[in-house]
């Protein structure tokens, strides 16, 4: 939670260079994980639009979490939940971790469509 010291909010991401994240304020640091909170507009200004974009504010990851062919990127909160998002995201965290640890990951593009 922000304020606890466990999560440190940073400004917008300018670019990635391996594990190094460069921010728009000129600072940079190495990270194992990045949580990018966009609010209601789905944007990825730090990715080349040819790699990943959300035309019409829409993106359709498998199980609302994985995009085929991008094995090291997980979307944790791309769904409408009622009444609160936190239990939903927490359940997705566990499922995401299991798919990574057991090596199953995301199925092929055709497998996701089924």
PDB file of N, CA and C in Angstrom:
ATOM      1  N   UNK A   1       0.831  -1.171   0.000  1.00  0.00           N
ATOM      2  CA  UNK A   1       0.000   0.000   0.000  1.00  0.00           C
ATOM      3  C   UNK A   1       0.882   1.243   0.000  1.00  0.00           C
ATOM      4  N   UNK A   2       0.545   2.241  -0.817  1.00  0.00           N
ATOM      5  CA  UNK A   2       1.277   3.501  -0.734  1.00  0.00           C
ATOM      6  C   UNK A   2       1.178   4.058   0.686  1.00  0.00           C
ATOM      7  N   UNK A   3       2.238   4.624   1.159  1.00  0.00           N
ATOM      8  CA  UNK A   3       2.262   5.157   2.511  1.00  0.00           C
ATOM      9  C   UNK A   3       2.918   4.208   3.501  1.00  0.00           C
ATOM     10  N   UNK A   4       2.951   2.909   3.185  1.00  0.00           N
ATOM     11  CA  UNK A   4       3.566   1.937   4.086  1.00  0.00           C
ATOM     12  C   UNK A   4       5.066   1.814   3.833  1.00  0.00           C
ATOM     13  N   UNK A   5       5.504   2.301   2.675  1.00  0.00           N
ATOM     14  CA  UNK A   5       6.906   2.164   2.303  1.00  0.00           C
ATOM     15  C   UNK A   5       7.170   0.954   1.433  1.00  0.00           C
ATOM     16  N   UNK A   6       6.193   0.039   1.343  1.00  0.00           N
ATOM     17  CA  UNK A   6       6.361  -1.150   0.509  1.00  0.00           C
ATOM     18  C   UNK A   6       6.215  -0.831  -0.971  1.00  0.00           C
ATOM     19  N   UNK A   7       5.357   0.139  -1.282  1.00  0.00           N
ATOM     20  CA  UNK A   7       5.132   0.570  -2.662  1.00  0.00           C
ATOM     21  C   UNK A   7       5.475   2.047  -2.730  1.00  0.00           C
ATOM     22  N   UNK A   8       6.295   2.406  -3.700  1.00  0.00           N
ATOM     23  CA  UNK A   8       6.700   3.801  -3.845  1.00  0.00           C
ATOM     24  C   UNK A   8       6.159   4.326  -5.164  1.00  0.00           C
ATOM     25  N   UNK A   9       5.152   5.208  -5.115  1.00  0.00           N
ATOM     26  CA  UNK A   9       4.640   5.789  -6.366  1.00  0.00           C
ATOM     27  C   UNK A   9       5.739   6.587  -7.069  1.00  0.00           C
ATOM     28  N   UNK A  10       5.780   6.468  -8.370  1.00  0.00           N
ATOM     29  CA  UNK A  10       6.766   7.180  -9.191  1.00  0.00           C
ATOM     30  C   UNK A  10       6.027   7.918 -10.299  1.00  0.00           C
ATOM     31  N   UNK A  11       6.690   8.863 -10.967  1.00  0.00           N
ATOM     32  CA  UNK A  11       6.042   9.551 -12.089  1.00  0.00           C
ATOM     33  C   UNK A  11       5.907   8.627 -13.296  1.00  0.00           C
ATOM     34  N   UNK A  12       5.393   9.148 -14.386  1.00  0.00           N
ATOM     35  CA  UNK A  12       5.206   8.347 -15.592  1.00  0.00           C
ATOM     36  C   UNK A  12       6.508   7.707 -16.057  1.00  0.00           C
ATOM     37  N   UNK A  13       6.366   6.563 -16.708  1.00  0.00           N
ATOM     38  CA  UNK A  13       7.511   5.836 -17.251  1.00  0.00           C
ATOM     39  C   UNK A  13       7.848   6.411 -18.624  1.00  0.00           C
ATOM     40  N   UNK A  14       9.102   6.741 -18.810  1.00  0.00           N
ATOM     41  CA  UNK A  14       9.568   7.232 -20.105  1.00  0.00           C
ATOM     42  C   UNK A  14       9.961   6.067 -21.006  1.00  0.00           C
ATOM     43  N   UNK A  15      10.681   5.080 -20.425  1.00  0.00           N
ATOM     44  CA  UNK A  15      11.095   3.921 -21.217  1.00  0.00           C
ATOM     45  C   UNK A  15      11.661   2.845 -20.308  1.00  0.00           C
ATOM     46  N   UNK A  16      11.751   1.637 -20.879  1.00  0.00           N
ATOM     47  CA  UNK A  16      12.390   0.501 -20.219  1.00  0.00           C
ATOM     48  C   UNK A  16      13.714   0.215 -20.902  1.00  0.00           C
ATOM     49  N   UNK A  17      14.700  -0.209 -20.124  1.00  0.00           N
ATOM     50  CA  UNK A  17      15.981  -0.660 -20.652  1.00  0.00           C
ATOM     51  C   UNK A  17      16.360  -1.894 -19.849  1.00  0.00           C
ATOM     52  N   UNK A  18      15.867  -3.065 -20.278  1.00  0.00           N
ATOM     53  CA  UNK A  18      16.047  -4.281 -19.489  1.00  0.00           C
ATOM     54  C   UNK A  18      15.261  -4.158 -18.198  1.00  0.00           C
ATOM     55  N   UNK A  19      15.926  -4.355 -17.068  1.00  0.00           N
ATOM     56  CA  UNK A  19      15.271  -4.208 -15.760  1.00  0.00           C
ATOM     57  C   UNK A  19      15.276  -2.764 -15.272  1.00  0.00           C
ATOM     58  N   UNK A  20      15.955  -1.878 -16.007  1.00  0.00           N
ATOM     59  CA  UNK A  20      16.019  -0.476 -15.621  1.00  0.00           C
ATOM     60  C   UNK A  20      14.824   0.275 -16.188  1.00  0.00           C
ATOM     61  N   UNK A  21      14.139   0.995 -15.304  1.00  0.00           N
ATOM     62  CA  UNK A  21      12.997   1.803 -15.697  1.00  0.00           C
ATOM     63  C   UNK A  21      13.411   3.264 -15.596  1.00  0.00           C
ATOM     64  N   UNK A  22      13.229   4.001 -16.693  1.00  0.00           N
ATOM     65  CA  UNK A  22      13.537   5.426 -16.742  1.00  0.00           C
ATOM     66  C   UNK A  22      12.228   6.199 -16.631  1.00  0.00           C
ATOM     67  N   UNK A  23      12.187   7.169 -15.712  1.00  0.00           N
ATOM     68  CA  UNK A  23      10.976   7.934 -15.460  1.00  0.00           C
ATOM     69  C   UNK A  23      11.065   9.311 -16.107  1.00  0.00           C
ATOM     70  N   UNK A  24       9.894   9.927 -16.268  1.00  0.00           N
ATOM     71  CA  UNK A  24       9.832  11.231 -16.936  1.00  0.00           C
ATOM     72  C   UNK A  24      10.487  12.340 -16.136  1.00  0.00           C
ATOM     73  N   UNK A  25      10.730  12.126 -14.842  1.00  0.00           N
ATOM     74  CA  UNK A  25      11.417  13.140 -14.041  1.00  0.00           C
ATOM     75  C   UNK A  25      12.933  13.020 -14.139  1.00  0.00           C
ATOM     76  N   UNK A  26      13.429  12.101 -14.987  1.00  0.00           N
ATOM     77  CA  UNK A  26      14.862  11.927 -15.189  1.00  0.00           C
ATOM     78  C   UNK A  26      15.494  10.884 -14.289  1.00  0.00           C
ATOM     79  N   UNK A  27      14.769  10.367 -13.307  1.00  0.00           N
ATOM     80  CA  UNK A  27      15.317   9.335 -12.437  1.00  0.00           C
ATOM     81  C   UNK A  27      15.167   7.966 -13.090  1.00  0.00           C
ATOM     82  N   UNK A  28      15.937   7.004 -12.600  1.00  0.00           N
ATOM     83  CA  UNK A  28      15.822   5.627 -13.079  1.00  0.00           C
ATOM     84  C   UNK A  28      16.231   4.697 -11.948  1.00  0.00           C
ATOM     85  N   UNK A  29      15.783   3.462 -12.048  1.00  0.00           N
ATOM     86  CA  UNK A  29      16.131   2.449 -11.061  1.00  0.00           C
ATOM     87  C   UNK A  29      15.834   1.084 -11.662  1.00  0.00           C
ATOM     88  N   UNK A  30      16.393   0.036 -11.055  1.00  0.00           N
ATOM     89  CA  UNK A  30      16.147  -1.337 -11.496  1.00  0.00           C
ATOM     90  C   UNK A  30      14.985  -1.923 -10.710  1.00  0.00           C
ATOM     91  N   UNK A  31      14.108  -2.653 -11.415  1.00  0.00           N
ATOM     92  CA  UNK A  31      12.936  -3.245 -10.796  1.00  0.00           C
ATOM     93  C   UNK A  31      12.730  -4.666 -11.311  1.00  0.00           C
ATOM     94  N   UNK A  32      12.166  -5.515 -10.451  1.00  0.00           N
ATOM     95  CA  UNK A  32      11.748  -6.853 -10.846  1.00  0.00           C
ATOM     96  C   UNK A  32      10.310  -6.835 -11.336  1.00  0.00           C
ATOM     97  N   UNK A  33       9.518  -5.879 -10.827  1.00  0.00           N
ATOM     98  CA  UNK A  33       8.108  -5.794 -11.191  1.00  0.00           C
ATOM     99  C   UNK A  33       7.699  -4.328 -11.256  1.00  0.00           C
ATOM    100  N   UNK A  34       6.809  -4.024 -12.187  1.00  0.00           N
ATOM    101  CA  UNK A  34       6.268  -2.672 -12.327  1.00  0.00           C
ATOM    102  C   UNK A  34       4.746  -2.781 -12.273  1.00  0.00           C
ATOM    103  N   UNK A  35       4.130  -1.996 -11.419  1.00  0.00           N
ATOM    104  CA  UNK A  35       2.677  -1.911 -11.358  1.00  0.00           C
ATOM    105  C   UNK A  35       2.311  -0.552 -11.937  1.00  0.00           C
ATOM    106  N   UNK A  36       1.659  -0.568 -13.090  1.00  0.00           N
ATOM    107  CA  UNK A  36       1.314   0.669 -13.785  1.00  0.00           C
ATOM    108  C   UNK A  36      -0.188   0.877 -13.678  1.00  0.00           C
ATOM    109  N   UNK A  37      -0.606   1.859 -12.894  1.00  0.00           N
ATOM    110  CA  UNK A  37      -2.024   2.119 -12.661  1.00  0.00           C
ATOM    111  C   UNK A  37      -2.487   3.243 -13.589  1.00  0.00           C
ATOM    112  N   UNK A  38      -3.346   2.910 -14.545  1.00  0.00           N
ATOM    113  CA  UNK A  38      -3.761   3.883 -15.560  1.00  0.00           C
ATOM    114  C   UNK A  38      -5.116   4.500 -15.292  1.00  0.00           C
ATOM    115  N   UNK A  39      -5.856   3.988 -14.337  1.00  0.00           N
ATOM    116  CA  UNK A  39      -7.205   4.510 -14.127  1.00  0.00           C
ATOM    117  C   UNK A  39      -8.143   3.953 -15.178  1.00  0.00           C
ATOM    118  N   UNK A  40      -8.976   4.799 -15.755  1.00  0.00           N
ATOM    119  CA  UNK A  40      -9.990   4.333 -16.690  1.00  0.00           C
ATOM    120  C   UNK A  40      -9.543   4.343 -18.140  1.00  0.00           C
ATOM    121  N   UNK A  41      -8.429   4.982 -18.444  1.00  0.00           N
ATOM    122  CA  UNK A  41      -7.925   5.008 -19.811  1.00  0.00           C
ATOM    123  C   UNK A  41      -6.764   4.038 -19.926  1.00  0.00           C
ATOM    124  N   UNK A  42      -6.905   3.086 -20.822  1.00  0.00           N
ATOM    125  CA  UNK A  42      -5.858   2.086 -21.003  1.00  0.00           C
ATOM    126  C   UNK A  42      -4.784   2.684 -21.903  1.00  0.00           C
ATOM    127  N   UNK A  43      -3.641   2.977 -21.316  1.00  0.00           N
ATOM    128  CA  UNK A  43      -2.523   3.549 -22.069  1.00  0.00           C
ATOM    129  C   UNK A  43      -1.232   2.848 -21.678  1.00  0.00           C
ATOM    130  N   UNK A  44      -0.336   2.761 -22.629  1.00  0.00           N
ATOM    131  CA  UNK A  44       0.995   2.190 -22.410  1.00  0.00           C
ATOM    132  C   UNK A  44       2.017   3.082 -23.091  1.00  0.00           C
ATOM    133  N   UNK A  45       2.222   4.305 -22.611  1.00  0.00           N
ATOM    134  CA  UNK A  45       3.102   5.237 -23.315  1.00  0.00           C
ATOM    135  C   UNK A  45       4.564   4.807 -23.340  1.00  0.00           C
ATOM    136  N   UNK A  46       4.944   3.869 -22.500  1.00  0.00           N
ATOM    137  CA  UNK A  46       6.322   3.395 -22.435  1.00  0.00           C
ATOM    138  C   UNK A  46       6.581   2.236 -23.388  1.00  0.00           C
ATOM    139  N   UNK A  47       5.539   1.710 -24.057  1.00  0.00           N
ATOM    140  CA  UNK A  47       5.703   0.663 -25.061  1.00  0.00           C
ATOM    141  C   UNK A  47       5.492   1.258 -26.446  1.00  0.00           C
ATOM    142  N   UNK A  48       6.199   0.743 -27.421  1.00  0.00           N
ATOM    143  CA  UNK A  48       5.958   1.105 -28.815  1.00  0.00           C
ATOM    144  C   UNK A  48       4.541   0.655 -29.166  1.00  0.00           C
ATOM    145  N   UNK A  49       3.720   1.534 -29.763  1.00  0.00           N
ATOM    146  CA  UNK A  49       2.344   1.141 -30.102  1.00  0.00           C
ATOM    147  C   UNK A  49       2.254  -0.094 -30.995  1.00  0.00           C
ATOM    148  N   UNK A  50       3.277  -0.373 -31.783  1.00  0.00           N
ATOM    149  CA  UNK A  50       3.290  -1.581 -32.605  1.00  0.00           C
ATOM    150  C   UNK A  50       3.401  -2.837 -31.733  1.00  0.00           C
ATOM    151  N   UNK A  51       4.032  -2.686 -30.567  1.00  0.00           N
ATOM    152  CA  UNK A  51       4.186  -3.806 -29.634  1.00  0.00           C
ATOM    153  C   UNK A  51       2.918  -4.009 -28.816  1.00  0.00           C
ATOM    154  N   UNK A  52       2.386  -2.916 -28.251  1.00  0.00           N
ATOM    155  CA  UNK A  52       1.213  -3.025 -27.398  1.00  0.00           C
ATOM    156  C   UNK A  52       0.484  -1.691 -27.345  1.00  0.00           C
ATOM    157  N   UNK A  53      -0.796  -1.735 -27.664  1.00  0.00           N
ATOM    158  CA  UNK A  53      -1.641  -0.547 -27.553  1.00  0.00           C
ATOM    159  C   UNK A  53      -3.075  -1.006 -27.287  1.00  0.00           C
ATOM    160  N   UNK A  54      -3.950  -0.050 -27.036  1.00  0.00           N
ATOM    161  CA  UNK A  54      -5.349  -0.358 -26.734  1.00  0.00           C
ATOM    162  C   UNK A  54      -6.247   0.551 -27.568  1.00  0.00           C
ATOM    163  N   UNK A  55      -6.337   0.274 -28.886  1.00  0.00           N
ATOM    164  CA  UNK A  55      -7.193   1.115 -29.724  1.00  0.00           C
ATOM    165  C   UNK A  55      -8.633   1.109 -29.222  1.00  0.00           C
ATOM    166  N   UNK A  56      -9.242   2.280 -29.187  1.00  0.00           N
ATOM    167  CA  UNK A  56     -10.612   2.367 -28.693  1.00  0.00           C
ATOM    168  C   UNK A  56     -10.723   2.073 -27.207  1.00  0.00           C
ATOM    169  N   UNK A  57      -9.595   2.204 -26.472  1.00  0.00           N
ATOM    170  CA  UNK A  57      -9.556   1.927 -25.036  1.00  0.00           C
ATOM    171  C   UNK A  57      -9.959   0.477 -24.737  1.00  0.00           C
ATOM    172  N   UNK A  58      -9.547  -0.442 -25.631  1.00  0.00           N
ATOM    173  CA  UNK A  58      -9.907  -1.853 -25.485  1.00  0.00           C
ATOM    174  C   UNK A  58      -8.673  -2.731 -25.705  1.00  0.00           C
ATOM    175  N   UNK A  59      -8.558  -3.731 -24.853  1.00  0.00           N
ATOM    176  CA  UNK A  59      -7.522  -4.752 -24.994  1.00  0.00           C
ATOM    177  C   UNK A  59      -8.124  -6.043 -24.436  1.00  0.00           C
ATOM    178  N   UNK A  60      -7.827  -7.165 -25.044  1.00  0.00           N
ATOM    179  CA  UNK A  60      -8.474  -8.423 -24.655  1.00  0.00           C
ATOM    180  C   UNK A  60      -7.468  -9.502 -24.275  1.00  0.00           C
ATOM    181  N   UNK A  61      -6.836  -9.385 -23.110  1.00  0.00           N
ATOM    182  CA  UNK A  61      -5.920 -10.443 -22.686  1.00  0.00           C
ATOM    183  C   UNK A  61      -6.668 -11.729 -22.331  1.00  0.00           C
ATOM    184  N   UNK A  62      -5.984 -12.858 -22.509  1.00  0.00           N
ATOM    185  CA  UNK A  62      -6.518 -14.164 -22.104  1.00  0.00           C
ATOM    186  C   UNK A  62      -6.781 -14.141 -20.596  1.00  0.00           C
ATOM    187  N   UNK A  63      -7.976 -14.531 -20.200  1.00  0.00           N
ATOM    188  CA  UNK A  63      -8.404 -14.494 -18.801  1.00  0.00           C
ATOM    189  C   UNK A  63      -8.188 -13.104 -18.214  1.00  0.00           C
ATOM    190  N   UNK A  64      -8.229 -12.086 -19.085  1.00  0.00           N
ATOM    191  CA  UNK A  64      -8.047 -10.675 -18.729  1.00  0.00           C
ATOM    192  C   UNK A  64      -6.669 -10.410 -18.126  1.00  0.00           C
ATOM    193  N   UNK A  65      -5.689 -11.321 -18.375  1.00  0.00           N
ATOM    194  CA  UNK A  65      -4.367 -11.175 -17.765  1.00  0.00           C
ATOM    195  C   UNK A  65      -3.187 -11.320 -18.717  1.00  0.00           C
ATOM    196  N   UNK A  66      -3.255 -12.212 -19.717  1.00  0.00           N
ATOM    197  CA  UNK A  66      -2.087 -12.540 -20.527  1.00  0.00           C
ATOM    198  C   UNK A  66      -2.350 -12.275 -21.999  1.00  0.00           C
ATOM    199  N   UNK A  67      -1.332 -11.795 -22.704  1.00  0.00           N
ATOM    200  CA  UNK A  67      -1.411 -11.655 -24.155  1.00  0.00           C
ATOM    201  C   UNK A  67      -0.514 -12.717 -24.778  1.00  0.00           C
ATOM    202  N   UNK A  68      -1.031 -13.498 -25.704  1.00  0.00           N
ATOM    203  CA  UNK A  68      -0.220 -14.541 -26.346  1.00  0.00           C
ATOM    204  C   UNK A  68       1.043 -13.942 -26.962  1.00  0.00           C
ATOM    205  N   UNK A  69       2.152 -14.609 -26.730  1.00  0.00           N
ATOM    206  CA  UNK A  69       3.420 -14.170 -27.294  1.00  0.00           C
ATOM    207  C   UNK A  69       4.174 -13.186 -26.416  1.00  0.00           C
ATOM    208  N   UNK A  70       3.546 -12.702 -25.348  1.00  0.00           N
ATOM    209  CA  UNK A  70       4.219 -11.791 -24.410  1.00  0.00           C
ATOM    210  C   UNK A  70       4.201 -12.482 -23.052  1.00  0.00           C
ATOM    211  N   UNK A  71       5.161 -13.365 -22.830  1.00  0.00           N
ATOM    212  CA  UNK A  71       5.137 -14.244 -21.667  1.00  0.00           C
ATOM    213  C   UNK A  71       5.540 -13.582 -20.359  1.00  0.00           C
ATOM    214  N   UNK A  72       6.178 -12.407 -20.420  1.00  0.00           N
ATOM    215  CA  UNK A  72       6.658 -11.790 -19.184  1.00  0.00           C
ATOM    216  C   UNK A  72       5.877 -10.526 -18.814  1.00  0.00           C
ATOM    217  N   UNK A  73       4.620 -10.456 -19.251  1.00  0.00           N
ATOM    218  CA  UNK A  73       3.760  -9.318 -18.932  1.00  0.00           C
ATOM    219  C   UNK A  73       2.416  -9.837 -18.437  1.00  0.00           C
ATOM    220  N   UNK A  74       1.979  -9.363 -17.263  1.00  0.00           N
ATOM    221  CA  UNK A  74       0.712  -9.783 -16.667  1.00  0.00           C
ATOM    222  C   UNK A  74      -0.118  -8.541 -16.379  1.00  0.00           C
ATOM    223  N   UNK A  75      -1.383  -8.567 -16.774  1.00  0.00           N
ATOM    224  CA  UNK A  75      -2.325  -7.500 -16.457  1.00  0.00           C
ATOM    225  C   UNK A  75      -3.127  -7.958 -15.245  1.00  0.00           C
ATOM    226  N   UNK A  76      -3.057  -7.218 -14.151  1.00  0.00           N
ATOM    227  CA  UNK A  76      -3.685  -7.672 -12.914  1.00  0.00           C
ATOM    228  C   UNK A  76      -5.102  -7.161 -12.707  1.00  0.00           C
ATOM    229  N   UNK A  77      -5.511  -6.074 -13.320  1.00  0.00           N
ATOM    230  CA  UNK A  77      -6.811  -5.511 -12.999  1.00  0.00           C
ATOM    231  C   UNK A  77      -7.645  -5.091 -14.183  1.00  0.00           C
ATOM    232  N   UNK A  78      -7.563  -5.800 -15.302  1.00  0.00           N
ATOM    233  CA  UNK A  78      -8.322  -5.429 -16.494  1.00  0.00           C
ATOM    234  C   UNK A  78      -9.691  -6.077 -16.506  1.00  0.00           C
ATOM    235  N   UNK A  79     -10.504  -5.761 -15.526  1.00  0.00           N
ATOM    236  CA  UNK A  79     -11.865  -6.292 -15.485  1.00  0.00           C
ATOM    237  C   UNK A  79     -12.685  -5.433 -14.548  1.00  0.00           C
ATOM    238  N   UNK A  80     -13.966  -5.401 -14.789  1.00  0.00           N
ATOM    239  CA  UNK A  80     -14.876  -4.688 -13.886  1.00  0.00           C
ATOM    240  C   UNK A  80     -15.296  -5.646 -12.791  1.00  0.00           C
ATOM    241  N   UNK A  81     -15.074  -5.276 -11.568  1.00  0.00           N
ATOM    242  CA  UNK A  81     -15.477  -6.138 -10.460  1.00  0.00           C
ATOM    243  C   UNK A  81     -16.456  -5.384  -9.565  1.00  0.00           C
ATOM    244  N   UNK A  82     -17.337  -6.136  -8.962  1.00  0.00           N
ATOM    245  CA  UNK A  82     -18.335  -5.523  -8.099  1.00  0.00           C
ATOM    246  C   UNK A  82     -18.372  -6.305  -6.793  1.00  0.00           C
ATOM    247  N   UNK A  83     -18.354  -5.708  -5.639  1.00  0.00           N
ATOM    248  CA  UNK A  83     -18.335  -4.266  -5.414  1.00  0.00           C
ATOM    249  C   UNK A  83     -16.941  -3.683  -5.302  1.00  0.00           C
ATOM    250  N   UNK A  84     -15.902  -4.510  -5.165  1.00  0.00           N
ATOM    251  CA  UNK A  84     -14.567  -3.953  -4.960  1.00  0.00           C
ATOM    252  C   UNK A  84     -13.536  -4.708  -5.787  1.00  0.00           C
ATOM    253  N   UNK A  85     -12.495  -4.015  -6.178  1.00  0.00           N
ATOM    254  CA  UNK A  85     -11.467  -4.584  -7.036  1.00  0.00           C
ATOM    255  C   UNK A  85     -10.457  -5.443  -6.278  1.00  0.00           C
ATOM    256  N   UNK A  86     -10.197  -5.131  -5.015  1.00  0.00           N
ATOM    257  CA  UNK A  86      -9.086  -5.762  -4.317  1.00  0.00           C
ATOM    258  C   UNK A  86      -9.178  -7.280  -4.184  1.00  0.00           C
ATOM    259  N   UNK A  87     -10.300  -7.877  -3.768  1.00  0.00           N
ATOM    260  CA  UNK A  87     -10.349  -9.346  -3.717  1.00  0.00           C
ATOM    261  C   UNK A  87     -10.160  -9.973  -5.099  1.00  0.00           C
ATOM    262  N   UNK A  88     -10.698  -9.321  -6.117  1.00  0.00           N
ATOM    263  CA  UNK A  88     -10.541  -9.823  -7.482  1.00  0.00           C
ATOM    264  C   UNK A  88      -9.074  -9.851  -7.888  1.00  0.00           C
ATOM    265  N   UNK A  89      -8.371  -8.734  -7.682  1.00  0.00           N
ATOM    266  CA  UNK A  89      -6.963  -8.648  -8.065  1.00  0.00           C
ATOM    267  C   UNK A  89      -6.138  -9.639  -7.250  1.00  0.00           C
ATOM    268  N   UNK A  90      -6.451  -9.796  -5.979  1.00  0.00           N
ATOM    269  CA  UNK A  90      -5.729 -10.751  -5.139  1.00  0.00           C
ATOM    270  C   UNK A  90      -5.886 -12.172  -5.668  1.00  0.00           C
ATOM    271  N   UNK A  91      -7.076 -12.541  -6.100  1.00  0.00           N
ATOM    272  CA  UNK A  91      -7.275 -13.886  -6.647  1.00  0.00           C
ATOM    273  C   UNK A  91      -6.507 -14.061  -7.946  1.00  0.00           C
ATOM    274  N   UNK A  92      -6.426 -13.019  -8.759  1.00  0.00           N
ATOM    275  CA  UNK A  92      -5.686 -13.080 -10.015  1.00  0.00           C
ATOM    276  C   UNK A  92      -4.187 -13.215  -9.755  1.00  0.00           C
ATOM    277  N   UNK A  93      -3.709 -12.592  -8.681  1.00  0.00           N
ATOM    278  CA  UNK A  93      -2.292 -12.679  -8.325  1.00  0.00           C
ATOM    279  C   UNK A  93      -1.914 -14.130  -8.086  1.00  0.00           C
ATOM    280  N   UNK A  94      -2.747 -14.846  -7.344  1.00  0.00           N
ATOM    281  CA  UNK A  94      -2.448 -16.253  -7.068  1.00  0.00           C
ATOM    282  C   UNK A  94      -2.460 -17.099  -8.320  1.00  0.00           C
ATOM    283  N   UNK A  95      -3.463 -16.876  -9.170  1.00  0.00           N
ATOM    284  CA  UNK A  95      -3.558 -17.641 -10.414  1.00  0.00           C
ATOM    285  C   UNK A  95      -2.373 -17.331 -11.318  1.00  0.00           C
ATOM    286  N   UNK A  96      -2.015 -16.060 -11.413  1.00  0.00           N
ATOM    287  CA  UNK A  96      -0.876 -15.656 -12.240  1.00  0.00           C
ATOM    288  C   UNK A  96       0.410 -16.301 -11.743  1.00  0.00           C
ATOM    289  N   UNK A  97       0.614 -16.280 -10.436  1.00  0.00           N
ATOM    290  CA  UNK A  97       1.813 -16.892  -9.861  1.00  0.00           C
ATOM    291  C   UNK A  97       1.900 -18.377 -10.141  1.00  0.00           C
ATOM    292  N   UNK A  98       0.759 -19.062 -10.025  1.00  0.00           N
ATOM    293  CA  UNK A  98       0.759 -20.503 -10.302  1.00  0.00           C
ATOM    294  C   UNK A  98       1.086 -20.792 -11.757  1.00  0.00           C
ATOM    295  N   UNK A  99       0.549 -20.008 -12.705  1.00  0.00           N
ATOM    296  CA  UNK A  99       0.829 -20.286 -14.107  1.00  0.00           C
ATOM    297  C   UNK A  99       2.295 -20.039 -14.429  1.00  0.00           C
ATOM    298  N   UNK A 100       2.910 -19.132 -13.706  1.00  0.00           N
ATOM    299  CA  UNK A 100       4.335 -18.863 -13.916  1.00  0.00           C
ATOM    300  C   UNK A 100       5.192 -19.935 -13.272  1.00  0.00           C
ATOM    301  N   UNK A 101       4.833 -20.344 -12.058  1.00  0.00           N
ATOM    302  CA  UNK A 101       5.679 -21.297 -11.345  1.00  0.00           C
ATOM    303  C   UNK A 101       5.578 -22.705 -11.903  1.00  0.00           C
ATOM    304  N   UNK A 102       4.416 -23.064 -12.463  1.00  0.00           N
ATOM    305  CA  UNK A 102       4.307 -24.419 -13.001  1.00  0.00           C
ATOM    306  C   UNK A 102       4.634 -24.482 -14.491  1.00  0.00           C
ATOM    307  N   UNK A 103       4.978 -23.331 -15.080  1.00  0.00           N
ATOM    308  CA  UNK A 103       5.427 -23.299 -16.465  1.00  0.00           C
ATOM    309  C   UNK A 103       4.330 -23.320 -17.505  1.00  0.00           C
ATOM    310  N   UNK A 104       3.057 -23.268 -17.091  1.00  0.00           N
ATOM    311  CA  UNK A 104       1.995 -23.331 -18.095  1.00  0.00           C
ATOM    312  C   UNK A 104       1.852 -22.027 -18.855  1.00  0.00           C
ATOM    313  N   UNK A 105       1.945 -20.902 -18.172  1.00  0.00           N
ATOM    314  CA  UNK A 105       1.854 -19.605 -18.846  1.00  0.00           C
ATOM    315  C   UNK A 105       0.584 -19.455 -19.655  1.00  0.00           C
ATOM    316  N   UNK A 106       0.649 -18.606 -20.638  1.00  0.00           N
ATOM    317  CA  UNK A 106      -0.503 -18.328 -21.493  1.00  0.00           C
ATOM    318  C   UNK A 106      -0.520 -19.302 -22.660  1.00  0.00           C
ATOM    319  N   UNK A 107      -1.697 -19.788 -23.030  1.00  0.00           N
ATOM    320  CA  UNK A 107      -1.757 -20.661 -24.208  1.00  0.00           C
ATOM    321  C   UNK A 107      -1.500 -19.874 -25.486  1.00  0.00           C
ATOM    322  N   UNK A 108      -1.470 -20.572 -26.583  1.00  0.00           N
ATOM    323  CA  UNK A 108      -1.280 -19.922 -27.882  1.00  0.00           C
ATOM    324  C   UNK A 108      -2.445 -18.999 -28.170  1.00  0.00           C
ATOM    325  N   UNK A 109      -2.294 -18.147 -29.176  1.00  0.00           N
ATOM    326  CA  UNK A 109      -3.357 -17.220 -29.559  1.00  0.00           C
ATOM    327  C   UNK A 109      -4.649 -17.973 -29.859  1.00  0.00           C
ATOM    328  N   UNK A 110      -4.563 -19.092 -30.589  1.00  0.00           N
ATOM    329  CA  UNK A 110      -5.760 -19.858 -30.886  1.00  0.00           C
ATOM    330  C   UNK A 110      -6.335 -20.505 -29.624  1.00  0.00           C
ATOM    331  N   UNK A 111      -5.466 -20.898 -28.681  1.00  0.00           N
ATOM    332  CA  UNK A 111      -5.934 -21.465 -27.425  1.00  0.00           C
ATOM    333  C   UNK A 111      -6.652 -20.447 -26.583  1.00  0.00           C
ATOM    334  N   UNK A 112      -6.216 -19.196 -26.630  1.00  0.00           N
ATOM    335  CA  UNK A 112      -6.877 -18.139 -25.877  1.00  0.00           C
ATOM    336  C   UNK A 112      -8.259 -17.847 -26.415  1.00  0.00           C
ATOM    337  N   UNK A 113      -8.458 -18.017 -27.695  1.00  0.00           N
ATOM    338  CA  UNK A 113      -9.730 -17.704 -28.326  1.00  0.00           C
ATOM    339  C   UNK A 113     -10.812 -18.727 -27.999  1.00  0.00           C
ATOM    340  N   UNK A 114     -10.414 -19.917 -27.549  1.00  0.00           N
ATOM    341  CA  UNK A 114     -11.398 -20.960 -27.240  1.00  0.00           C
ATOM    342  C   UNK A 114     -12.181 -20.676 -26.002  1.00  0.00           C
TER     343      UNK A 114
END
